[in-house]
């Protein structure tokens, strides 16, 4: 019984660890994408304002 419980706990720990690792990877990817978007917007201010204006009109 104890061996089965240990296996189940180990299996659950592995699943939780994989989920947390996946979430970290997703958050890092989103952060890097936003950072690159910010850099692009700083170097292309006119295009950025045009895109933001278009999105504002589409979402309004």
N, C-alpha and C. Protein backbone atom coordinates (compact mmCIF):
# COMPACT_ATOMS: atom_id res chain seq x y z
N UNK A 1 0.83 -1.21 0.00
CA UNK A 1 0.00 0.00 0.00
C UNK A 1 0.86 1.25 0.00
N UNK A 2 1.89 1.25 0.83
CA UNK A 2 2.75 2.42 0.94
C UNK A 2 3.52 2.66 -0.36
N UNK A 3 3.93 1.58 -1.02
CA UNK A 3 4.67 1.71 -2.28
C UNK A 3 3.77 2.32 -3.35
N UNK A 4 2.50 1.90 -3.39
CA UNK A 4 1.57 2.45 -4.36
C UNK A 4 1.32 3.93 -4.10
N UNK A 5 1.16 4.29 -2.84
CA UNK A 5 0.95 5.69 -2.48
C UNK A 5 2.16 6.54 -2.85
N UNK A 6 3.35 6.00 -2.63
CA UNK A 6 4.57 6.71 -3.00
C UNK A 6 4.64 6.93 -4.49
N UNK A 7 4.25 5.92 -5.27
CA UNK A 7 4.25 6.05 -6.73
C UNK A 7 3.25 7.10 -7.19
N UNK A 8 2.07 7.10 -6.58
CA UNK A 8 1.04 8.08 -6.94
C UNK A 8 1.51 9.49 -6.60
N UNK A 9 2.10 9.68 -5.44
CA UNK A 9 2.59 11.00 -5.05
C UNK A 9 3.71 11.44 -5.98
N UNK A 10 4.61 10.54 -6.32
CA UNK A 10 5.70 10.87 -7.24
C UNK A 10 5.15 11.25 -8.61
N UNK A 11 4.16 10.50 -9.08
CA UNK A 11 3.53 10.78 -10.37
C UNK A 11 2.86 12.16 -10.35
N UNK A 12 2.16 12.46 -9.25
CA UNK A 12 1.49 13.76 -9.12
C UNK A 12 2.51 14.90 -9.08
N UNK A 13 3.62 14.68 -8.36
CA UNK A 13 4.67 15.70 -8.30
C UNK A 13 5.24 15.97 -9.69
N UNK A 14 5.43 14.92 -10.48
CA UNK A 14 5.96 15.08 -11.84
C UNK A 14 4.99 15.86 -12.71
N UNK A 15 3.71 15.59 -12.58
CA UNK A 15 2.71 16.30 -13.38
C UNK A 15 2.69 17.79 -12.99
N UNK A 16 2.67 18.07 -11.70
CA UNK A 16 2.65 19.46 -11.23
C UNK A 16 3.91 20.18 -11.68
N UNK A 17 5.03 19.51 -11.59
CA UNK A 17 6.30 20.11 -12.02
C UNK A 17 6.28 20.42 -13.52
N UNK A 18 5.73 19.51 -14.31
CA UNK A 18 5.65 19.74 -15.76
C UNK A 18 4.72 20.90 -16.07
N UNK A 19 3.60 21.00 -15.36
CA UNK A 19 2.65 22.09 -15.59
C UNK A 19 3.30 23.43 -15.23
N UNK A 20 3.98 23.48 -14.09
CA UNK A 20 4.64 24.73 -13.67
C UNK A 20 5.72 25.11 -14.67
N UNK A 21 6.48 24.13 -15.14
CA UNK A 21 7.52 24.39 -16.13
C UNK A 21 6.92 24.94 -17.42
N UNK A 22 5.80 24.36 -17.84
CA UNK A 22 5.12 24.84 -19.05
C UNK A 22 4.62 26.26 -18.90
N UNK A 23 4.06 26.57 -17.73
CA UNK A 23 3.56 27.92 -17.47
C UNK A 23 4.72 28.92 -17.49
N UNK A 24 5.84 28.54 -16.88
CA UNK A 24 7.02 29.42 -16.89
C UNK A 24 7.48 29.69 -18.31
N UNK A 25 7.51 28.64 -19.14
CA UNK A 25 7.93 28.81 -20.54
C UNK A 25 6.98 29.74 -21.29
N UNK A 26 5.69 29.58 -21.07
CA UNK A 26 4.70 30.43 -21.74
C UNK A 26 4.86 31.88 -21.30
N UNK A 27 5.02 32.11 -20.00
CA UNK A 27 5.18 33.48 -19.50
C UNK A 27 6.46 34.12 -20.02
N UNK A 28 7.54 33.34 -20.10
CA UNK A 28 8.79 33.87 -20.64
C UNK A 28 8.63 34.23 -22.11
N UNK A 29 7.95 33.39 -22.86
CA UNK A 29 7.72 33.67 -24.28
C UNK A 29 6.89 34.93 -24.46
N UNK A 30 5.83 35.08 -23.68
CA UNK A 30 4.99 36.27 -23.76
C UNK A 30 5.79 37.51 -23.38
N UNK A 31 6.59 37.41 -22.33
CA UNK A 31 7.42 38.55 -21.91
C UNK A 31 8.38 38.97 -23.01
N UNK A 32 9.07 37.99 -23.62
CA UNK A 32 10.02 38.32 -24.68
C UNK A 32 9.31 38.90 -25.91
N UNK A 33 8.12 38.38 -26.21
CA UNK A 33 7.37 38.91 -27.35
C UNK A 33 6.97 40.36 -27.09
N UNK A 34 6.50 40.66 -25.88
CA UNK A 34 6.12 42.04 -25.55
C UNK A 34 7.34 42.96 -25.53
N UNK A 35 8.47 42.44 -25.07
CA UNK A 35 9.69 43.24 -25.07
C UNK A 35 10.10 43.58 -26.50
N UNK A 36 10.06 42.59 -27.39
CA UNK A 36 10.40 42.84 -28.79
C UNK A 36 9.40 43.78 -29.45
N UNK A 37 8.11 43.63 -29.10
CA UNK A 37 7.09 44.53 -29.64
C UNK A 37 7.36 45.96 -29.18
N UNK A 38 7.73 46.12 -27.91
CA UNK A 38 8.05 47.45 -27.40
C UNK A 38 9.24 48.06 -28.11
N UNK A 39 10.27 47.26 -28.35
CA UNK A 39 11.44 47.76 -29.07
C UNK A 39 11.06 48.17 -30.48
N UNK A 40 10.23 47.35 -31.14
CA UNK A 40 9.81 47.68 -32.51
C UNK A 40 8.99 48.97 -32.51
N UNK A 41 8.09 49.11 -31.53
CA UNK A 41 7.25 50.31 -31.47
C UNK A 41 8.09 51.56 -31.23
N UNK A 42 9.15 51.44 -30.46
CA UNK A 42 10.02 52.60 -30.21
C UNK A 42 10.78 52.99 -31.48
N UNK A 43 11.15 52.01 -32.28
CA UNK A 43 11.92 52.32 -33.48
C UNK A 43 11.04 52.65 -34.68
N UNK A 44 9.73 52.38 -34.59
CA UNK A 44 8.78 52.69 -35.67
C UNK A 44 7.56 53.41 -35.10
N UNK A 45 7.73 54.65 -34.64
CA UNK A 45 6.62 55.33 -33.94
C UNK A 45 5.41 55.61 -34.84
N UNK A 46 5.64 55.99 -36.08
CA UNK A 46 4.50 56.33 -36.96
C UNK A 46 3.68 55.08 -37.25
N UNK A 47 4.35 54.01 -37.63
CA UNK A 47 3.63 52.76 -37.92
C UNK A 47 2.90 52.26 -36.68
N UNK A 48 3.54 52.39 -35.52
CA UNK A 48 2.93 51.94 -34.27
C UNK A 48 1.63 52.69 -33.99
N UNK A 49 1.67 54.02 -34.17
CA UNK A 49 0.46 54.81 -33.92
C UNK A 49 -0.63 54.48 -34.93
N UNK A 50 -0.24 54.22 -36.18
CA UNK A 50 -1.24 53.83 -37.18
C UNK A 50 -1.89 52.50 -36.82
N UNK A 51 -1.07 51.54 -36.39
CA UNK A 51 -1.61 50.23 -36.01
C UNK A 51 -2.50 50.35 -34.78
N UNK A 52 -2.03 51.11 -33.77
CA UNK A 52 -2.84 51.28 -32.56
C UNK A 52 -4.14 52.00 -32.86
N UNK A 53 -4.10 52.99 -33.75
CA UNK A 53 -5.31 53.70 -34.14
C UNK A 53 -6.29 52.79 -34.86
N UNK A 54 -5.76 51.95 -35.73
CA UNK A 54 -6.62 50.99 -36.44
C UNK A 54 -7.26 50.01 -35.46
N UNK A 55 -6.47 49.50 -34.52
CA UNK A 55 -7.02 48.58 -33.52
C UNK A 55 -8.08 49.27 -32.66
N UNK A 56 -7.83 50.53 -32.31
CA UNK A 56 -8.78 51.29 -31.50
C UNK A 56 -10.12 51.42 -32.23
N UNK A 57 -10.05 51.71 -33.54
CA UNK A 57 -11.28 51.87 -34.33
C UNK A 57 -11.99 50.52 -34.46
N UNK A 58 -11.22 49.46 -34.68
CA UNK A 58 -11.83 48.14 -34.85
C UNK A 58 -12.48 47.64 -33.56
N UNK A 59 -11.86 47.96 -32.44
CA UNK A 59 -12.39 47.49 -31.15
C UNK A 59 -13.50 48.37 -30.60
N UNK A 60 -13.60 49.59 -31.12
CA UNK A 60 -14.62 50.51 -30.61
C UNK A 60 -16.01 50.16 -31.10
